[in-house]
Amino acid sequence: RARTECMAVGWHLLKDEGIMVLHDAQRKEYDEGIQLTPFWVRITNPAIIIEGAISILFMSKSEKVILDFKEILAKNLPDHICLQKYDDVVSH
């Protein structure tokens, strides 16, 4: 499992309007790869604990893409799922 290395290659290949997805983003071993982008949205399910509350991270090179994606998520996520953006924290 070379997810961090794959993220670096994927980030290089990612188009400006694209979104990279990291499953199990709560794992500390992926922190280095997460630092690739300033624009991200994380969804977290506090009811499932695997090395912390399980989360999925969505990353983009474009702030507009990630903000638009956050709005879609905010309208469609169930109340028990937490939504966090790179510069704020919003609980659902």
Protein backbone atom coordinates (compact mmCIF):
# COMPACT_ATOMS: atom_id res chain seq x y z
CA ARG A 1 0.00 0.00 0.00
CA ALA A 2 1.80 3.05 -1.26
CA ARG A 3 -1.12 5.46 -1.00
CA THR A 4 0.99 8.52 -0.18
CA GLU A 5 3.24 7.90 -3.18
CA CYS A 6 0.20 7.26 -5.39
CA MET A 7 -1.31 10.53 -4.20
CA ALA A 8 1.80 12.42 -5.33
CA VAL A 9 1.58 10.89 -8.81
CA GLY A 10 -2.19 11.35 -8.94
CA TRP A 11 -1.86 14.97 -7.88
CA HIS A 12 0.53 15.57 -10.76
CA LEU A 13 -1.94 13.98 -13.20
CA LEU A 14 -5.05 15.62 -11.74
CA LYS A 15 -6.70 18.20 -14.00
CA ASP A 16 -7.47 21.62 -12.54
CA GLU A 17 -11.21 20.84 -12.43
CA GLY A 18 -10.66 17.36 -10.96
CA ILE A 19 -11.12 15.98 -7.47
CA MET A 20 -8.84 13.42 -5.82
CA VAL A 21 -10.46 11.15 -3.22
CA LEU A 22 -8.66 9.64 -0.23
CA HIS A 23 -10.48 6.90 1.63
CA ASP A 24 -9.53 6.38 5.30
CA ALA A 25 -8.12 9.91 5.41
CA GLN A 26 -8.08 9.83 9.23
CA ARG A 27 -4.98 7.62 9.18
CA LYS A 28 -1.83 9.52 10.20
CA GLU A 29 0.25 7.68 7.60
CA TYR A 30 -1.51 9.71 4.86
CA ASP A 31 -0.82 13.15 6.35
CA GLU A 32 2.20 13.72 4.10
CA GLY A 33 0.12 13.13 0.95
CA ILE A 34 -2.71 15.33 2.19
CA GLN A 35 -0.36 18.31 2.33
CA LEU A 36 -0.36 18.39 -1.48
CA THR A 37 -3.33 20.74 -1.64
CA PRO A 38 -4.64 23.82 0.12
CA PHE A 39 -8.21 23.05 -1.07
CA TRP A 40 -10.04 20.12 0.46
CA VAL A 41 -13.29 18.95 1.99
CA ARG A 42 -13.47 16.14 4.54
CA ILE A 43 -16.53 14.14 5.53
CA THR A 44 -16.35 12.26 8.82
CA ASN A 45 -18.58 9.66 10.40
CA PRO A 46 -18.02 9.97 14.15
CA ALA A 47 -19.89 6.70 14.75
CA ILE A 48 -17.20 4.59 13.04
CA ILE A 49 -13.77 4.57 14.69
CA ILE A 50 -10.74 3.15 12.87
CA GLU A 51 -7.59 4.97 13.99
CA GLY A 52 -9.93 7.90 14.69
CA ALA A 53 -13.34 8.78 13.31
CA ILE A 54 -13.42 7.43 9.77
CA SER A 55 -13.19 10.09 7.09
CA ILE A 56 -12.95 10.63 3.35
CA LEU A 57 -10.99 13.56 1.97
CA PHE A 58 -11.76 15.24 -1.35
CA MET A 59 -8.91 17.39 -2.71
CA SER A 60 -8.71 19.77 -5.67
CA LYS A 61 -6.28 22.22 -7.22
CA SER A 62 -9.18 24.62 -7.65
CA GLU A 63 -10.83 26.47 -4.79
CA LYS A 64 -13.99 26.95 -6.87
CA VAL A 65 -14.27 23.22 -7.58
CA ILE A 66 -13.93 22.33 -3.90
CA LEU A 67 -16.36 25.03 -2.76
CA ASP A 68 -18.97 23.91 -5.29
CA PHE A 69 -18.45 20.29 -4.20
CA LYS A 70 -18.82 21.27 -0.53
CA GLU A 71 -22.19 22.86 -1.27
CA ILE A 72 -23.40 19.68 -2.97
CA LEU A 73 -22.26 17.60 -0.01
CA ALA A 74 -23.83 19.97 2.52
CA LYS A 75 -27.22 19.60 0.85
CA ASN A 76 -27.07 15.81 0.65
CA LEU A 77 -25.28 14.46 3.73
CA PRO A 78 -27.25 12.98 6.62
CA ASP A 79 -27.19 14.93 9.87
CA HIS A 80 -24.78 12.59 11.68
CA ILE A 81 -21.98 13.15 9.13
CA CYS A 82 -19.57 16.01 9.82
CA LEU A 83 -18.36 18.27 7.02
CA GLN A 84 -15.10 20.19 7.27
CA LYS A 85 -13.48 22.52 4.73
CA TYR A 86 -9.83 23.57 4.62
CA ASP A 87 -10.52 26.82 6.48
CA ASP A 88 -13.56 26.07 8.63
CA VAL A 89 -15.42 23.38 10.49
CA VAL A 90 -19.14 22.83 9.99
CA SER A 91 -21.01 20.06 11.74
CA HIS A 92 -24.04 18.67 10.02
